[in-house]
Amino acid sequence: MHPRNAYFSPEVQQQKINNITKQSYDVIFHTATTIVIFTLFRNESWFPMCSGGVGSCDAIFTDYPNWP
């Protein structure tokens, strides 16, 4: 088969579709997970202000290893 025809073969097209589908799912999953985690933990004292929380970066390990 000519290399140009191999580019449009059904196997290659299906592989590309599968790759794009997986990448799209990964982007949606990680974005949603980040939003949910930020919403749940933004008011915790151990979530530092430099990451959008209310705690301080200096106090991240204050109670280590006795974390709640």
PDB file of N, CA and C in Angstrom:
ATOM      1  N   MET A   1       0.840  -1.167   0.000  1.00  0.00           N
ATOM      2  CA  MET A   1       0.000   0.000   0.000  1.00  0.00           C
ATOM      3  C   MET A   1       0.889   1.234   0.000  1.00  0.00           C
ATOM      4  N   HIS A   2       0.543   2.196  -0.761  1.00  0.00           N
ATOM      5  CA  HIS A   2       1.295   3.444  -0.843  1.00  0.00           C
ATOM      6  C   HIS A   2       1.206   4.170   0.504  1.00  0.00           C
ATOM      7  N   PRO A   3       2.319   4.799   0.963  1.00  0.00           N
ATOM      8  CA  PRO A   3       2.308   5.463   2.270  1.00  0.00           C
ATOM      9  C   PRO A   3       1.183   6.483   2.421  1.00  0.00           C
ATOM     10  N   ARG A   4       0.839   7.172   1.347  1.00  0.00           N
ATOM     11  CA  ARG A   4      -0.244   8.160   1.440  1.00  0.00           C
ATOM     12  C   ARG A   4      -1.580   7.457   1.694  1.00  0.00           C
ATOM     13  N   ASN A   5      -1.783   6.300   1.074  1.00  0.00           N
ATOM     14  CA  ASN A   5      -3.008   5.560   1.297  1.00  0.00           C
ATOM     15  C   ASN A   5      -3.048   4.956   2.707  1.00  0.00           C
ATOM     16  N   ALA A   6      -1.889   4.634   3.263  1.00  0.00           N
ATOM     17  CA  ALA A   6      -1.840   4.085   4.620  1.00  0.00           C
ATOM     18  C   ALA A   6      -2.291   5.140   5.631  1.00  0.00           C
ATOM     19  N   TYR A   7      -2.051   6.404   5.317  1.00  0.00           N
ATOM     20  CA  TYR A   7      -2.447   7.492   6.205  1.00  0.00           C
ATOM     21  C   TYR A   7      -3.966   7.533   6.362  1.00  0.00           C
ATOM     22  N   PHE A   8      -4.684   7.169   5.347  1.00  0.00           N
ATOM     23  CA  PHE A   8      -6.142   7.223   5.369  1.00  0.00           C
ATOM     24  C   PHE A   8      -6.784   5.856   5.579  1.00  0.00           C
ATOM     25  N   SER A   9      -6.015   4.865   5.936  1.00  0.00           N
ATOM     26  CA  SER A   9      -6.579   3.532   6.113  1.00  0.00           C
ATOM     27  C   SER A   9      -7.524   3.523   7.321  1.00  0.00           C
ATOM     28  N   PRO A  10      -8.498   2.642   7.330  1.00  0.00           N
ATOM     29  CA  PRO A  10      -9.452   2.591   8.453  1.00  0.00           C
ATOM     30  C   PRO A  10      -8.783   2.321   9.799  1.00  0.00           C
ATOM     31  N   GLU A  11      -7.721   1.527   9.806  1.00  0.00           N
ATOM     32  CA  GLU A  11      -7.035   1.238  11.061  1.00  0.00           C
ATOM     33  C   GLU A  11      -6.389   2.492  11.643  1.00  0.00           C
ATOM     34  N   VAL A  12      -5.751   3.269  10.763  1.00  0.00           N
ATOM     35  CA  VAL A  12      -5.093   4.498  11.219  1.00  0.00           C
ATOM     36  C   VAL A  12      -6.135   5.503  11.677  1.00  0.00           C
ATOM     37  N   GLN A  13      -7.222   5.634  10.947  1.00  0.00           N
ATOM     38  CA  GLN A  13      -8.285   6.561  11.339  1.00  0.00           C
ATOM     39  C   GLN A  13      -8.870   6.166  12.693  1.00  0.00           C
ATOM     40  N   GLN A  14      -9.107   4.879  12.906  1.00  0.00           N
ATOM     41  CA  GLN A  14      -9.658   4.425  14.179  1.00  0.00           C
ATOM     42  C   GLN A  14      -8.682   4.676  15.321  1.00  0.00           C
ATOM     43  N   GLN A  15      -7.399   4.483  15.072  1.00  0.00           N
ATOM     44  CA  GLN A  15      -6.382   4.746  16.091  1.00  0.00           C
ATOM     45  C   GLN A  15      -6.368   6.229  16.453  1.00  0.00           C
ATOM     46  N   LYS A  16      -6.481   7.100  15.461  1.00  0.00           N
ATOM     47  CA  LYS A  16      -6.505   8.541  15.725  1.00  0.00           C
ATOM     48  C   LYS A  16      -7.756   8.936  16.499  1.00  0.00           C
ATOM     49  N   ILE A  17      -8.886   8.358  16.152  1.00  0.00           N
ATOM     50  CA  ILE A  17     -10.129   8.652  16.859  1.00  0.00           C
ATOM     51  C   ILE A  17     -10.013   8.212  18.318  1.00  0.00           C
ATOM     52  N   ASN A  18      -9.464   7.030  18.541  1.00  0.00           N
ATOM     53  CA  ASN A  18      -9.282   6.538  19.906  1.00  0.00           C
ATOM     54  C   ASN A  18      -8.344   7.441  20.696  1.00  0.00           C
ATOM     55  N   ASN A  19      -7.282   7.912  20.067  1.00  0.00           N
ATOM     56  CA  ASN A  19      -6.319   8.782  20.729  1.00  0.00           C
ATOM     57  C   ASN A  19      -6.964  10.119  21.108  1.00  0.00           C
ATOM     58  N   ILE A  20      -7.688  10.721  20.201  1.00  0.00           N
ATOM     59  CA  ILE A  20      -8.347  12.003  20.475  1.00  0.00           C
ATOM     60  C   ILE A  20      -9.415  11.835  21.548  1.00  0.00           C
ATOM     61  N   THR A  21     -10.152  10.738  21.511  1.00  0.00           N
ATOM     62  CA  THR A  21     -11.177  10.475  22.518  1.00  0.00           C
ATOM     63  C   THR A  21     -10.557  10.358  23.902  1.00  0.00           C
ATOM     64  N   LYS A  22      -9.460   9.621  24.016  1.00  0.00           N
ATOM     65  CA  LYS A  22      -8.796   9.458  25.312  1.00  0.00           C
ATOM     66  C   LYS A  22      -8.245  10.787  25.816  1.00  0.00           C
ATOM     67  N   GLN A  23      -7.632  11.564  24.945  1.00  0.00           N
ATOM     68  CA  GLN A  23      -7.088  12.850  25.359  1.00  0.00           C
ATOM     69  C   GLN A  23      -8.197  13.805  25.795  1.00  0.00           C
ATOM     70  N   SER A  24      -9.310  13.798  25.094  1.00  0.00           N
ATOM     71  CA  SER A  24     -10.444  14.647  25.467  1.00  0.00           C
ATOM     72  C   SER A  24     -10.992  14.234  26.827  1.00  0.00           C
ATOM     73  N   TYR A  25     -11.153  12.939  27.044  1.00  0.00           N
ATOM     74  CA  TYR A  25     -11.631  12.446  28.330  1.00  0.00           C
ATOM     75  C   TYR A  25     -10.670  12.847  29.450  1.00  0.00           C
ATOM     76  N   ASP A  26      -9.372  12.696  29.222  1.00  0.00           N
ATOM     77  CA  ASP A  26      -8.388  13.045  30.245  1.00  0.00           C
ATOM     78  C   ASP A  26      -8.454  14.529  30.607  1.00  0.00           C
ATOM     79  N   VAL A  27      -8.589  15.390  29.622  1.00  0.00           N
ATOM     80  CA  VAL A  27      -8.669  16.831  29.888  1.00  0.00           C
ATOM     81  C   VAL A  27      -9.918  17.148  30.702  1.00  0.00           C
ATOM     82  N   ILE A  28     -11.050  16.587  30.315  1.00  0.00           N
ATOM     83  CA  ILE A  28     -12.299  16.842  31.037  1.00  0.00           C
ATOM     84  C   ILE A  28     -12.220  16.294  32.458  1.00  0.00           C
ATOM     85  N   PHE A  29     -11.701  15.089  32.622  1.00  0.00           N
ATOM     86  CA  PHE A  29     -11.594  14.472  33.941  1.00  0.00           C
ATOM     87  C   PHE A  29     -10.692  15.287  34.867  1.00  0.00           C
ATOM     88  N   HIS A  30      -9.503  15.661  34.399  1.00  0.00           N
ATOM     89  CA  HIS A  30      -8.570  16.383  35.259  1.00  0.00           C
ATOM     90  C   HIS A  30      -9.065  17.790  35.576  1.00  0.00           C
ATOM     91  N   THR A  31      -9.723  18.439  34.636  1.00  0.00           N
ATOM     92  CA  THR A  31     -10.283  19.763  34.899  1.00  0.00           C
ATOM     93  C   THR A  31     -11.393  19.675  35.937  1.00  0.00           C
ATOM     94  N   ALA A  32     -12.299  18.724  35.784  1.00  0.00           N
ATOM     95  CA  ALA A  32     -13.393  18.564  36.742  1.00  0.00           C
ATOM     96  C   ALA A  32     -12.865  18.195  38.121  1.00  0.00           C
ATOM     97  N   THR A  33     -11.885  17.305  38.182  1.00  0.00           N
ATOM     98  CA  THR A  33     -11.314  16.902  39.461  1.00  0.00           C
ATOM     99  C   THR A  33     -10.647  18.082  40.162  1.00  0.00           C
ATOM    100  N   THR A  34      -9.927  18.891  39.411  1.00  0.00           N
ATOM    101  CA  THR A  34      -9.271  20.066  39.985  1.00  0.00           C
ATOM    102  C   THR A  34     -10.293  21.045  40.552  1.00  0.00           C
ATOM    103  N   ILE A  35     -11.371  21.280  39.836  1.00  0.00           N
ATOM    104  CA  ILE A  35     -12.406  22.209  40.301  1.00  0.00           C
ATOM    105  C   ILE A  35     -13.080  21.681  41.562  1.00  0.00           C
ATOM    106  N   VAL A  36     -13.402  20.399  41.594  1.00  0.00           N
ATOM    107  CA  VAL A  36     -14.058  19.807  42.767  1.00  0.00           C
ATOM    108  C   VAL A  36     -13.132  19.852  43.982  1.00  0.00           C
ATOM    109  N   ILE A  37     -11.879  19.470  43.814  1.00  0.00           N
ATOM    110  CA  ILE A  37     -10.927  19.468  44.932  1.00  0.00           C
ATOM    111  C   ILE A  37     -10.701  20.879  45.454  1.00  0.00           C
ATOM    112  N   PHE A  38     -10.563  21.847  44.553  1.00  0.00           N
ATOM    113  CA  PHE A  38     -10.372  23.233  44.984  1.00  0.00           C
ATOM    114  C   PHE A  38     -11.590  23.720  45.767  1.00  0.00           C
ATOM    115  N   THR A  39     -12.791  23.392  45.275  1.00  0.00           N
ATOM    116  CA  THR A  39     -14.015  23.811  45.954  1.00  0.00           C
ATOM    117  C   THR A  39     -14.133  23.175  47.341  1.00  0.00           C
ATOM    118  N   LEU A  40     -13.772  21.912  47.461  1.00  0.00           N
ATOM    119  CA  LEU A  40     -13.878  21.227  48.751  1.00  0.00           C
ATOM    120  C   LEU A  40     -12.839  21.694  49.767  1.00  0.00           C
ATOM    121  N   PHE A  41     -11.627  21.984  49.322  1.00  0.00           N
ATOM    122  CA  PHE A  41     -10.528  22.240  50.249  1.00  0.00           C
ATOM    123  C   PHE A  41     -10.097  23.695  50.362  1.00  0.00           C
ATOM    124  N   ARG A  42     -10.755  24.632  49.689  1.00  0.00           N
ATOM    125  CA  ARG A  42     -10.275  26.016  49.704  1.00  0.00           C
ATOM    126  C   ARG A  42     -10.381  26.688  51.061  1.00  0.00           C
ATOM    127  N   ASN A  43     -11.227  26.212  51.952  1.00  0.00           N
ATOM    128  CA  ASN A  43     -11.372  26.820  53.271  1.00  0.00           C
ATOM    129  C   ASN A  43     -10.639  26.059  54.370  1.00  0.00           C
ATOM    130  N   GLU A  44      -9.826  25.113  54.004  1.00  0.00           N
ATOM    131  CA  GLU A  44      -9.050  24.352  54.996  1.00  0.00           C
ATOM    132  C   GLU A  44      -7.806  25.139  55.404  1.00  0.00           C
ATOM    133  N   SER A  45      -7.419  24.990  56.663  1.00  0.00           N
ATOM    134  CA  SER A  45      -6.270  25.750  57.169  1.00  0.00           C
ATOM    135  C   SER A  45      -4.955  25.282  56.565  1.00  0.00           C
ATOM    136  N   TRP A  46      -4.907  24.037  56.077  1.00  0.00           N
ATOM    137  CA  TRP A  46      -3.664  23.518  55.505  1.00  0.00           C
ATOM    138  C   TRP A  46      -3.553  23.772  54.004  1.00  0.00           C
ATOM    139  N   PHE A  47      -4.572  24.372  53.397  1.00  0.00           N
ATOM    140  CA  PHE A  47      -4.528  24.679  51.963  1.00  0.00           C
ATOM    141  C   PHE A  47      -3.980  26.095  51.813  1.00  0.00           C
ATOM    142  N   PRO A  48      -2.741  26.257  51.355  1.00  0.00           N
ATOM    143  CA  PRO A  48      -2.060  27.558  51.415  1.00  0.00           C
ATOM    144  C   PRO A  48      -2.658  28.625  50.494  1.00  0.00           C
ATOM    145  N   MET A  49      -2.442  29.877  50.872  1.00  0.00           N
ATOM    146  CA  MET A  49      -2.950  31.003  50.086  1.00  0.00           C
ATOM    147  C   MET A  49      -2.308  31.059  48.703  1.00  0.00           C
ATOM    148  N   CYS A  50      -1.071  30.597  48.593  1.00  0.00           N
ATOM    149  CA  CYS A  50      -0.407  30.615  47.300  1.00  0.00           C
ATOM    150  C   CYS A  50      -1.072  29.664  46.309  1.00  0.00           C
ATOM    151  N   SER A  51      -1.932  28.758  46.825  1.00  0.00           N
ATOM    152  CA  SER A  51      -2.690  27.846  45.962  1.00  0.00           C
ATOM    153  C   SER A  51      -4.172  28.196  45.920  1.00  0.00           C
ATOM    154  N   GLY A  52      -4.559  29.282  46.565  1.00  0.00           N
ATOM    155  CA  GLY A  52      -5.952  29.713  46.546  1.00  0.00           C
ATOM    156  C   GLY A  52      -6.721  29.421  47.813  1.00  0.00           C
ATOM    157  N   GLY A  53      -6.058  28.923  48.854  1.00  0.00           N
ATOM    158  CA  GLY A  53      -6.737  28.598  50.104  1.00  0.00           C
ATOM    159  C   GLY A  53      -6.662  29.735  51.109  1.00  0.00           C
ATOM    160  N   VAL A  54      -6.926  29.409  52.370  1.00  0.00           N
ATOM    161  CA  VAL A  54      -6.902  30.423  53.423  1.00  0.00           C
ATOM    162  C   VAL A  54      -5.724  30.248  54.382  1.00  0.00           C
ATOM    163  N   GLY A  55      -4.998  29.158  54.285  1.00  0.00           N
ATOM    164  CA  GLY A  55      -3.854  28.912  55.162  1.00  0.00           C
ATOM    165  C   GLY A  55      -2.616  29.646  54.676  1.00  0.00           C
ATOM    166  N   SER A  56      -1.531  29.505  55.428  1.00  0.00           N
ATOM    167  CA  SER A  56      -0.277  30.128  55.014  1.00  0.00           C
ATOM    168  C   SER A  56       0.694  29.058  54.540  1.00  0.00           C
ATOM    169  N   CYS A  57       1.572  29.447  53.656  1.00  0.00           N
ATOM    170  CA  CYS A  57       2.555  28.499  53.122  1.00  0.00           C
ATOM    171  C   CYS A  57       3.522  28.035  54.207  1.00  0.00           C
ATOM    172  N   ASP A  58       3.765  28.880  55.208  1.00  0.00           N
ATOM    173  CA  ASP A  58       4.677  28.527  56.289  1.00  0.00           C
ATOM    174  C   ASP A  58       4.085  27.475  57.223  1.00  0.00           C
ATOM    175  N   ALA A  59       2.754  27.377  57.275  1.00  0.00           N
ATOM    176  CA  ALA A  59       2.100  26.485  58.233  1.00  0.00           C
ATOM    177  C   ALA A  59       1.647  25.170  57.603  1.00  0.00           C
ATOM    178  N   ILE A  60       2.119  24.858  56.430  1.00  0.00           N
ATOM    179  CA  ILE A  60       1.663  23.634  55.759  1.00  0.00           C
ATOM    180  C   ILE A  60       2.003  22.396  56.584  1.00  0.00           C
ATOM    181  N   PHE A  61       3.204  22.347  57.152  1.00  0.00           N
ATOM    182  CA  PHE A  61       3.645  21.160  57.883  1.00  0.00           C
ATOM    183  C   PHE A  61       3.623  21.373  59.390  1.00  0.00           C
ATOM    184  N   THR A  62       2.803  22.260  59.912  1.00  0.00           N
ATOM    185  CA  THR A  62       2.772  22.564  61.339  1.00  0.00           C
ATOM    186  C   THR A  62       2.448  21.339  62.172  1.00  0.00           C
ATOM    187  N   ASP A  63       1.434  20.584  61.814  1.00  0.00           N
ATOM    188  CA  ASP A  63       1.003  19.437  62.614  1.00  0.00           C
ATOM    189  C   ASP A  63       1.551  18.109  62.098  1.00  0.00           C
ATOM    190  N   TYR A  64       2.527  18.146  61.223  1.00  0.00           N
ATOM    191  CA  TYR A  64       3.079  16.900  60.676  1.00  0.00           C
ATOM    192  C   TYR A  64       3.748  16.119  61.779  1.00  0.00           C
ATOM    193  N   PRO A  65       3.563  14.855  61.959  1.00  0.00           N
ATOM    194  CA  PRO A  65       2.825  13.875  61.161  1.00  0.00           C
ATOM    195  C   PRO A  65       1.405  13.643  61.673  1.00  0.00           C
ATOM    196  N   ASN A  66       0.895  14.467  62.546  1.00  0.00           N
ATOM    197  CA  ASN A  66      -0.447  14.267  63.134  1.00  0.00           C
ATOM    198  C   ASN A  66      -1.513  15.052  62.372  1.00  0.00           C
ATOM    199  N   TRP A  67      -1.604  14.779  61.109  1.00  0.00           N
ATOM    200  CA  TRP A  67      -2.617  15.469  60.307  1.00  0.00           C
ATOM    201  C   TRP A  67      -3.986  14.874  60.584  1.00  0.00           C
ATOM    202  N   PRO A  68      -5.032  15.683  60.415  1.00  0.00           N
ATOM    203  CA  PRO A  68      -6.402  15.179  60.690  1.00  0.00           C
ATOM    204  C   PRO A  68      -6.799  14.089  59.714  1.00  0.00           C
TER     205      PRO A  68
END
